[in-house]
Every structure is written in C-alpha cells, then in structure tokens.
C-alpha cells in the first residue's frame, strides 16, 4: 500500500482525524481490507498527526515504533466504489521516553473496524538511542491529547 489520497484532515476534541481514499487493491479476494493495510493506514495517520502537532510548529520530534497492537473489531468491506476510511488518532499515555497512540479506523459509515495501540519511543537522531520527551514535546502532547501520565516509563 502506498500513500493514500487524503480526503480531509481535522482535529477536534483532542482527536486528530485523517480521512483517506481506499483502493480495490487494499482488499482481499473476499472484499475485506487486508490486515497489514490497517497498520499502514495507522502509520500514515500517525505521520499526519505528527505533521499537524509537531513539525508544523518547528518541533522535529523523532520517534520509533516500539510496540504495535491491532484489535480487528469488524471487517472493513470493499463497497465496489472509491470509498474512504477515517483514522482517528489520540495520545493515551505519556511516559518519560515514550508515548502511546490509540487509533480507531472507521469505515465510511463511522463504524470502528480496527483499534490500533502504538507505543513510540522518542529518539536522538544522532545517537539513535532513546531520549526523554522534551518539555516542549510534552506540552504539545498534553495540549492535544487525552493522556495517562506514566513517569516510570
């Protein structure tokens, strides 16, 4: 799956929502979105979330995925047209060197089809080693997300 066609992007009530078009090639022979494509949609939405909240403010936060978990709630079916999905992203946990996003992939009717939790570790780009979340990054996360603070992680 390559980058999808972005239909819309907005942030309301601490949720970043990215709506993208899907293609017939994103689906299997039974008309269901392929499992790996949910992960790619979530990745694209996390990048849009970072662009909107960090990079647009000149904050070059580098974070790598440490753990990702997907709960496939219901099939996302191909409707035979050029449909869309919306990925809603919220930060739900903030630690010393990491944060966790929760993403809900919704079909064009607004039904949740997959929930993806992703732990990301902030990294120093020069050493490629984990580093603490800066005060500036922390302030942005707390401003734009509903979080559980975890000072031990």
N, C-alpha and C. Protein backbone atom coordinates (compact mmCIF):
# COMPACT_ATOMS: atom_id res chain seq x y z
N UNK A 1 0.86 -1.17 0.00
CA UNK A 1 0.00 0.00 0.00
C UNK A 1 0.90 1.22 0.00
N UNK A 2 0.75 2.05 -0.97
CA UNK A 2 1.48 3.32 -0.99
C UNK A 2 0.61 4.38 -0.33
N UNK A 3 1.13 5.59 -0.27
CA UNK A 3 0.39 6.68 0.37
C UNK A 3 -1.00 6.81 -0.26
N UNK A 4 -1.96 6.98 0.61
CA UNK A 4 -3.35 7.09 0.17
C UNK A 4 -3.68 8.54 -0.19
N UNK A 5 -4.75 8.71 -0.92
CA UNK A 5 -5.26 10.03 -1.27
C UNK A 5 -5.97 10.61 -0.04
N UNK A 6 -5.44 11.71 0.49
CA UNK A 6 -6.05 12.34 1.66
C UNK A 6 -7.28 13.10 1.22
N UNK A 7 -8.41 12.79 1.86
CA UNK A 7 -9.68 13.45 1.55
C UNK A 7 -9.88 14.63 2.49
N UNK A 8 -9.60 14.44 3.78
CA UNK A 8 -9.72 15.53 4.75
C UNK A 8 -8.88 15.24 5.98
N UNK A 9 -8.61 16.33 6.72
CA UNK A 9 -7.84 16.22 7.95
C UNK A 9 -8.36 17.29 8.90
N UNK A 10 -8.63 16.90 10.14
CA UNK A 10 -9.10 17.86 11.13
C UNK A 10 -8.79 17.37 12.53
N UNK A 11 -8.75 18.31 13.47
CA UNK A 11 -8.55 17.97 14.87
C UNK A 11 -9.66 18.62 15.68
N UNK A 12 -10.39 17.78 16.41
CA UNK A 12 -11.45 18.28 17.30
C UNK A 12 -11.45 17.43 18.55
N UNK A 13 -11.74 18.04 19.68
CA UNK A 13 -11.85 17.32 20.96
C UNK A 13 -10.67 16.38 21.20
N UNK A 14 -9.45 16.88 20.95
CA UNK A 14 -8.22 16.12 21.18
C UNK A 14 -8.07 14.88 20.30
N UNK A 15 -8.82 14.82 19.22
CA UNK A 15 -8.73 13.70 18.28
C UNK A 15 -8.32 14.25 16.92
N UNK A 16 -7.25 13.68 16.36
CA UNK A 16 -6.83 14.04 15.01
C UNK A 16 -7.47 13.03 14.07
N UNK A 17 -8.23 13.50 13.10
CA UNK A 17 -8.94 12.62 12.16
C UNK A 17 -8.41 12.82 10.75
N UNK A 18 -7.95 11.73 10.15
CA UNK A 18 -7.47 11.75 8.78
C UNK A 18 -8.36 10.83 7.96
N UNK A 19 -9.00 11.38 6.94
CA UNK A 19 -9.85 10.58 6.05
C UNK A 19 -9.12 10.41 4.73
N UNK A 20 -8.97 9.14 4.32
CA UNK A 20 -8.24 8.83 3.10
C UNK A 20 -9.09 7.91 2.22
N UNK A 21 -8.80 7.98 0.93
CA UNK A 21 -9.46 7.09 -0.02
C UNK A 21 -8.81 5.72 0.00
N UNK A 22 -9.61 4.69 -0.24
CA UNK A 22 -9.10 3.33 -0.34
C UNK A 22 -9.24 2.85 -1.78
N UNK A 23 -8.45 1.84 -2.13
CA UNK A 23 -8.45 1.30 -3.48
C UNK A 23 -8.84 -0.17 -3.45
N UNK A 24 -9.29 -0.68 -4.56
CA UNK A 24 -9.68 -2.09 -4.60
C UNK A 24 -8.50 -2.99 -4.23
N UNK A 25 -7.27 -2.55 -4.52
CA UNK A 25 -6.09 -3.38 -4.23
C UNK A 25 -5.78 -3.46 -2.74
N UNK A 26 -6.46 -2.66 -1.90
CA UNK A 26 -6.28 -2.73 -0.45
C UNK A 26 -7.06 -3.90 0.16
N UNK A 27 -7.85 -4.59 -0.67
CA UNK A 27 -8.77 -5.62 -0.19
C UNK A 27 -8.41 -6.98 -0.75
N UNK A 28 -8.79 -8.03 -0.01
CA UNK A 28 -8.52 -9.39 -0.46
C UNK A 28 -9.62 -9.86 -1.41
N UNK A 29 -9.53 -11.11 -1.84
CA UNK A 29 -10.49 -11.63 -2.81
C UNK A 29 -11.91 -11.76 -2.26
N UNK A 30 -12.05 -11.66 -0.93
CA UNK A 30 -13.37 -11.73 -0.31
C UNK A 30 -13.95 -10.33 -0.05
N UNK A 31 -13.21 -9.30 -0.45
CA UNK A 31 -13.69 -7.93 -0.28
C UNK A 31 -13.40 -7.33 1.09
N UNK A 32 -12.49 -7.95 1.87
CA UNK A 32 -12.13 -7.43 3.18
C UNK A 32 -10.77 -6.72 3.11
N UNK A 33 -10.64 -5.59 3.81
CA UNK A 33 -9.34 -4.92 3.89
C UNK A 33 -8.33 -5.92 4.46
N UNK A 34 -7.17 -5.99 3.84
CA UNK A 34 -6.12 -6.90 4.31
C UNK A 34 -5.53 -6.37 5.62
N UNK A 35 -5.20 -7.29 6.53
CA UNK A 35 -4.76 -6.92 7.88
C UNK A 35 -3.60 -5.93 7.88
N UNK A 36 -2.59 -6.17 7.06
CA UNK A 36 -1.41 -5.29 7.04
C UNK A 36 -1.77 -3.87 6.61
N UNK A 37 -2.82 -3.73 5.81
CA UNK A 37 -3.20 -2.40 5.34
C UNK A 37 -3.77 -1.53 6.45
N UNK A 38 -4.37 -2.14 7.47
CA UNK A 38 -4.80 -1.37 8.64
C UNK A 38 -3.59 -0.72 9.30
N UNK A 39 -2.50 -1.47 9.42
CA UNK A 39 -1.28 -0.96 10.05
C UNK A 39 -0.70 0.19 9.22
N UNK A 40 -0.73 0.04 7.90
CA UNK A 40 -0.23 1.11 7.04
C UNK A 40 -1.09 2.36 7.11
N UNK A 41 -2.41 2.19 7.18
CA UNK A 41 -3.29 3.34 7.35
C UNK A 41 -2.98 4.06 8.66
N UNK A 42 -2.76 3.28 9.72
CA UNK A 42 -2.45 3.87 11.03
C UNK A 42 -1.12 4.61 10.98
N UNK A 43 -0.15 4.04 10.28
CA UNK A 43 1.15 4.70 10.16
C UNK A 43 1.02 6.04 9.44
N UNK A 44 0.28 6.06 8.37
CA UNK A 44 0.08 7.30 7.63
C UNK A 44 -0.62 8.35 8.50
N UNK A 45 -1.59 7.91 9.29
CA UNK A 45 -2.31 8.83 10.17
C UNK A 45 -1.42 9.34 11.30
N UNK A 46 -0.52 8.48 11.82
CA UNK A 46 0.42 8.95 12.85
C UNK A 46 1.36 10.00 12.29
N UNK A 47 1.79 9.84 11.05
CA UNK A 47 2.65 10.84 10.42
C UNK A 47 1.89 12.16 10.25
N UNK A 48 0.64 12.09 9.81
CA UNK A 48 -0.18 13.30 9.67
C UNK A 48 -0.38 13.97 11.03
N UNK A 49 -0.58 13.16 12.07
CA UNK A 49 -0.72 13.66 13.44
C UNK A 49 0.55 14.41 13.86
N UNK A 50 1.71 13.81 13.58
CA UNK A 50 2.99 14.45 13.92
C UNK A 50 3.20 15.73 13.11
N UNK A 51 2.86 15.70 11.84
CA UNK A 51 3.00 16.90 11.00
C UNK A 51 2.14 18.02 11.56
N UNK A 52 0.91 17.69 11.91
CA UNK A 52 -0.04 18.69 12.40
C UNK A 52 0.37 19.26 13.76
N UNK A 53 0.81 18.39 14.67
CA UNK A 53 1.06 18.81 16.04
C UNK A 53 2.50 19.21 16.34
N UNK A 54 3.48 18.64 15.63
CA UNK A 54 4.88 18.89 15.95
C UNK A 54 5.61 19.62 14.83
N UNK A 55 5.72 19.00 13.67
CA UNK A 55 6.54 19.55 12.59
C UNK A 55 6.04 20.92 12.13
N UNK A 56 4.74 21.13 12.15
CA UNK A 56 4.19 22.43 11.73
C UNK A 56 4.60 23.55 12.68
N UNK A 57 5.02 23.19 13.89
CA UNK A 57 5.49 24.17 14.89
C UNK A 57 7.02 24.24 14.94
N UNK A 58 7.67 23.54 14.05
CA UNK A 58 9.13 23.54 14.05
C UNK A 58 9.75 22.59 15.05
N UNK A 59 8.96 21.68 15.61
CA UNK A 59 9.47 20.70 16.57
C UNK A 59 9.74 19.41 15.81
N UNK A 60 11.02 19.07 15.68
CA UNK A 60 11.41 17.88 14.92
C UNK A 60 11.55 16.69 15.86
N UNK A 61 10.43 16.16 16.30
CA UNK A 61 10.44 15.02 17.21
C UNK A 61 10.63 13.73 16.40
N UNK A 62 11.65 12.96 16.75
CA UNK A 62 11.90 11.68 16.10
C UNK A 62 11.42 10.59 17.06
N UNK A 63 10.54 9.74 16.58
CA UNK A 63 10.03 8.65 17.41
C UNK A 63 9.95 7.38 16.57
N UNK A 64 10.31 6.26 17.19
CA UNK A 64 10.26 4.97 16.52
C UNK A 64 9.23 4.08 17.19
N UNK A 65 8.60 3.24 16.40
CA UNK A 65 7.61 2.31 16.94
C UNK A 65 8.34 1.24 17.75
N UNK A 66 7.89 1.06 18.98
CA UNK A 66 8.44 0.03 19.88
C UNK A 66 7.52 -1.19 19.92
N UNK A 67 6.22 -0.92 19.91
CA UNK A 67 5.24 -2.00 20.01
C UNK A 67 3.96 -1.53 19.31
N UNK A 68 3.33 -2.44 18.60
CA UNK A 68 2.05 -2.11 17.96
C UNK A 68 1.10 -3.29 18.15
N UNK A 69 -0.13 -2.97 18.45
CA UNK A 69 -1.14 -3.99 18.71
C UNK A 69 -2.42 -3.60 17.98
N UNK A 70 -2.98 -4.53 17.25
CA UNK A 70 -4.19 -4.26 16.48
C UNK A 70 -5.32 -5.18 16.93
N UNK A 71 -6.47 -4.60 17.17
CA UNK A 71 -7.67 -5.36 17.51
C UNK A 71 -8.64 -5.17 16.35
N UNK A 72 -8.82 -6.23 15.57
CA UNK A 72 -9.70 -6.17 14.40
C UNK A 72 -11.14 -6.39 14.88
N UNK A 73 -11.89 -5.31 14.98
CA UNK A 73 -13.22 -5.32 15.57
C UNK A 73 -14.27 -5.87 14.62
N UNK A 74 -14.20 -5.45 13.37
CA UNK A 74 -15.17 -5.91 12.35
C UNK A 74 -14.53 -5.75 10.99
N UNK A 75 -14.95 -6.54 10.02
CA UNK A 75 -14.36 -6.44 8.69
C UNK A 75 -14.63 -5.07 8.06
N UNK A 76 -13.66 -4.59 7.34
CA UNK A 76 -13.84 -3.40 6.52
C UNK A 76 -14.04 -3.90 5.11
N UNK A 77 -15.25 -3.74 4.60
CA UNK A 77 -15.64 -4.32 3.31
C UNK A 77 -15.48 -3.31 2.18
N UNK A 78 -15.04 -3.82 1.04
CA UNK A 78 -14.99 -3.02 -0.19
C UNK A 78 -16.41 -2.89 -0.71
N UNK A 79 -16.82 -1.65 -1.00
CA UNK A 79 -18.20 -1.44 -1.44
C UNK A 79 -18.31 -1.32 -2.96
N UNK A 80 -17.20 -1.57 -3.67
CA UNK A 80 -17.26 -1.52 -5.12
C UNK A 80 -17.07 -0.13 -5.69
N UNK A 81 -16.92 0.85 -4.81
CA UNK A 81 -16.71 2.23 -5.24
C UNK A 81 -15.40 2.73 -4.65
N UNK A 82 -15.09 3.96 -4.91
CA UNK A 82 -13.91 4.58 -4.30
C UNK A 82 -14.30 5.10 -2.94
N UNK A 83 -14.28 4.22 -1.94
CA UNK A 83 -14.69 4.56 -0.59
C UNK A 83 -13.58 5.25 0.19
N UNK A 84 -13.92 5.60 1.42
CA UNK A 84 -12.96 6.24 2.31
C UNK A 84 -12.98 5.55 3.67
N UNK A 85 -11.90 5.75 4.41
CA UNK A 85 -11.83 5.37 5.81
C UNK A 85 -11.29 6.58 6.56
N UNK A 86 -11.64 6.65 7.83
CA UNK A 86 -11.13 7.71 8.70
C UNK A 86 -10.35 7.06 9.82
N UNK A 87 -9.15 7.59 10.06
CA UNK A 87 -8.33 7.12 11.17
C UNK A 87 -8.26 8.24 12.20
N UNK A 88 -8.81 7.95 13.39
CA UNK A 88 -8.78 8.91 14.48
C UNK A 88 -7.62 8.57 15.41
N UNK A 89 -6.76 9.56 15.69
CA UNK A 89 -5.56 9.35 16.49
C UNK A 89 -5.62 10.21 17.74
N UNK A 90 -5.35 9.58 18.88
CA UNK A 90 -5.26 10.27 20.16
C UNK A 90 -4.08 9.69 20.93
N UNK A 91 -3.37 10.53 21.68
CA UNK A 91 -2.33 10.02 22.58
C UNK A 91 -3.01 9.66 23.88
N UNK A 92 -2.81 8.42 24.33
CA UNK A 92 -3.49 7.94 25.53
C UNK A 92 -2.54 7.68 26.70
N UNK A 93 -1.22 7.70 26.44
CA UNK A 93 -0.25 7.51 27.52
C UNK A 93 1.01 8.29 27.20
N UNK A 94 1.57 8.94 28.21
CA UNK A 94 2.80 9.69 28.06
C UNK A 94 3.75 9.29 29.17
N UNK A 95 4.92 8.79 28.79
CA UNK A 95 5.94 8.40 29.76
C UNK A 95 7.14 9.31 29.65
N UNK A 96 8.26 8.88 30.24
CA UNK A 96 9.49 9.67 30.20
C UNK A 96 10.13 9.68 28.83
N UNK A 97 10.18 8.51 28.18
CA UNK A 97 10.83 8.39 26.87
C UNK A 97 9.88 7.88 25.78
N UNK A 98 8.63 7.69 26.13
CA UNK A 98 7.70 7.11 25.16
C UNK A 98 6.30 7.66 25.34
N UNK A 99 5.49 7.41 24.33
CA UNK A 99 4.07 7.75 24.38
C UNK A 99 3.31 6.71 23.56
N UNK A 100 2.02 6.58 23.87
CA UNK A 100 1.19 5.60 23.19
C UNK A 100 0.04 6.30 22.48
N UNK A 101 -0.12 6.00 21.21
CA UNK A 101 -1.28 6.50 20.47
C UNK A 101 -2.32 5.39 20.38
N UNK A 102 -3.57 5.77 20.39
CA UNK A 102 -4.68 4.85 20.11
C UNK A 102 -5.35 5.38 18.85
N UNK A 103 -5.49 4.49 17.88
CA UNK A 103 -6.08 4.88 16.61
C UNK A 103 -7.28 4.00 16.31
N UNK A 104 -8.35 4.65 15.92
CA UNK A 104 -9.56 3.94 15.52
C UNK A 104 -9.75 4.12 14.02
N UNK A 105 -9.78 3.00 13.32
CA UNK A 105 -10.03 3.01 11.88
C UNK A 105 -11.53 2.82 11.70
N UNK A 106 -12.16 3.81 11.04
CA UNK A 106 -13.61 3.76 10.86
C UNK A 106 -13.97 3.69 9.39
N UNK A 107 -15.02 2.92 9.10
CA UNK A 107 -15.50 2.84 7.72
C UNK A 107 -16.27 4.11 7.37
N UNK A 108 -16.76 4.19 6.16
CA UNK A 108 -17.43 5.41 5.69
C UNK A 108 -18.75 5.69 6.42
N UNK A 109 -19.27 4.70 7.15
CA UNK A 109 -20.47 4.91 7.96
C UNK A 109 -20.14 5.27 9.41
N UNK A 110 -18.85 5.33 9.74
CA UNK A 110 -18.43 5.69 11.09
C UNK A 110 -18.28 4.52 12.04
N UNK A 111 -18.40 3.29 11.53
CA UNK A 111 -18.23 2.10 12.37
C UNK A 111 -16.75 1.83 12.61
N UNK A 112 -16.37 1.56 13.85
CA UNK A 112 -14.99 1.21 14.16
C UNK A 112 -14.71 -0.20 13.63
N UNK A 113 -13.67 -0.31 12.80
CA UNK A 113 -13.31 -1.60 12.23
C UNK A 113 -12.03 -2.17 12.85
N UNK A 114 -11.18 -1.30 13.37
CA UNK A 114 -9.92 -1.74 13.95
C UNK A 114 -9.45 -0.68 14.95
N UNK A 115 -8.89 -1.14 16.08
CA UNK A 115 -8.29 -0.24 17.07
C UNK A 115 -6.82 -0.63 17.19
N UNK A 116 -5.96 0.36 17.00
CA UNK A 116 -4.52 0.11 17.00
C UNK A 116 -3.86 0.96 18.09
N UNK A 117 -3.17 0.29 19.01
CA UNK A 117 -2.37 0.98 20.03
C UNK A 117 -0.91 0.86 19.61
N UNK A 118 -0.20 1.99 19.64
CA UNK A 118 1.18 2.02 19.17
C UNK A 118 2.04 2.76 20.18
N UNK A 119 3.02 2.04 20.75
CA UNK A 119 3.99 2.65 21.66
C UNK A 119 5.15 3.16 20.81
N UNK A 120 5.45 4.46 20.97
CA UNK A 120 6.56 5.07 20.24
C UNK A 120 7.57 5.62 21.23
N UNK A 121 8.85 5.42 20.93
CA UNK A 121 9.94 5.88 21.78
C UNK A 121 10.61 7.07 21.09
N UNK A 122 10.79 8.16 21.86
CA UNK A 122 11.49 9.32 21.30
C UNK A 122 12.98 9.00 21.23
N UNK A 123 13.59 9.39 20.11
CA UNK A 123 14.98 9.03 19.85
C UNK A 123 15.82 10.27 19.55
N UNK A 124 17.10 10.18 19.90
CA UNK A 124 18.08 11.17 19.50
C UNK A 124 18.52 10.79 18.09
N UNK A 125 18.31 11.67 17.08
CA UNK A 125 18.63 11.29 15.70
C UNK A 125 20.12 11.02 15.46
N UNK A 126 20.98 11.63 16.27
CA UNK A 126 22.42 11.43 16.07
C UNK A 126 22.90 10.10 16.66
N UNK A 127 22.46 9.79 17.87
CA UNK A 127 22.92 8.56 18.53
C UNK A 127 22.03 7.37 18.26
N UNK A 128 20.80 7.62 17.76
CA UNK A 128 19.81 6.57 17.52
C UNK A 128 19.44 5.83 18.81
N UNK A 129 19.55 6.54 19.93
CA UNK A 129 19.23 5.99 21.24
C UNK A 129 18.01 6.71 21.81
N UNK A 130 17.24 6.02 22.67
CA UNK A 130 16.10 6.67 23.30
C UNK A 130 16.53 7.89 24.11
N UNK A 131 15.65 8.87 24.16
CA UNK A 131 15.88 10.06 24.96
C UNK A 131 14.57 10.45 25.62
N UNK A 132 14.65 11.29 26.64
CA UNK A 132 13.43 11.74 27.30
C UNK A 132 12.63 12.66 26.40
N UNK A 133 11.32 12.61 26.55
CA UNK A 133 10.43 13.55 25.86
C UNK A 133 10.76 14.93 26.39
N UNK A 134 11.00 15.89 25.48
CA UNK A 134 11.35 17.24 25.91
C UNK A 134 10.14 17.93 26.51
N UNK A 135 10.39 19.00 27.24
CA UNK A 135 9.30 19.78 27.83
C UNK A 135 8.39 20.34 26.75
N UNK A 136 8.98 20.79 25.63
CA UNK A 136 8.18 21.33 24.52
C UNK A 136 7.29 20.24 23.92
N UNK A 137 7.84 19.06 23.69
CA UNK A 137 7.05 17.95 23.15
C UNK A 137 5.96 17.55 24.14
N UNK A 138 6.32 17.48 25.40
CA UNK A 138 5.37 17.13 26.46
C UNK A 138 4.20 18.11 26.49
N UNK A 139 4.50 19.39 26.39
CA UNK A 139 3.45 20.42 26.40
C UNK A 139 2.51 20.25 25.21
N UNK A 140 3.06 19.96 24.04
CA UNK A 140 2.22 19.77 22.85
C UNK A 140 1.34 18.54 23.01
N UNK A 141 1.93 17.45 23.51
CA UNK A 141 1.14 16.22 23.70
C UNK A 141 0.01 16.47 24.69
N UNK A 142 0.32 17.14 25.80
CA UNK A 142 -0.71 17.39 26.81
C UNK A 142 -1.77 18.36 26.31
N UNK A 143 -1.39 19.26 25.41
CA UNK A 143 -2.33 20.23 24.84
C UNK A 143 -3.32 19.58 23.88
N UNK A 144 -2.86 18.56 23.16
CA UNK A 144 -3.65 17.98 22.07
C UNK A 144 -4.14 16.57 22.31
N UNK A 145 -4.01 16.06 23.54
CA UNK A 145 -4.35 14.65 23.72
C UNK A 145 -4.94 14.40 25.10
N UNK A 146 -5.61 13.29 25.20
CA UNK A 146 -6.09 12.79 26.48
C UNK A 146 -5.10 11.71 26.88
N UNK A 147 -4.39 11.94 27.99
CA UNK A 147 -3.30 11.03 28.32
C UNK A 147 -3.35 10.54 29.75
N UNK A 148 -2.67 9.42 29.93
CA UNK A 148 -2.36 8.90 31.25
C UNK A 148 -0.87 9.16 31.42
N UNK A 149 -0.50 9.92 32.43
CA UNK A 149 0.92 10.22 32.66
C UNK A 149 1.57 9.03 33.35
N UNK A 150 2.71 8.62 32.84
CA UNK A 150 3.43 7.48 33.39
C UNK A 150 4.89 7.88 33.53
N UNK A 151 5.26 8.40 34.69
CA UNK A 151 6.62 8.90 34.90
C UNK A 151 7.64 7.78 35.06
N UNK A 152 7.22 6.53 35.08
CA UNK A 152 8.14 5.41 35.24
C UNK A 152 8.56 4.80 33.91
N UNK A 153 7.92 5.20 32.83
CA UNK A 153 8.23 4.57 31.53
C UNK A 153 8.94 5.52 30.61
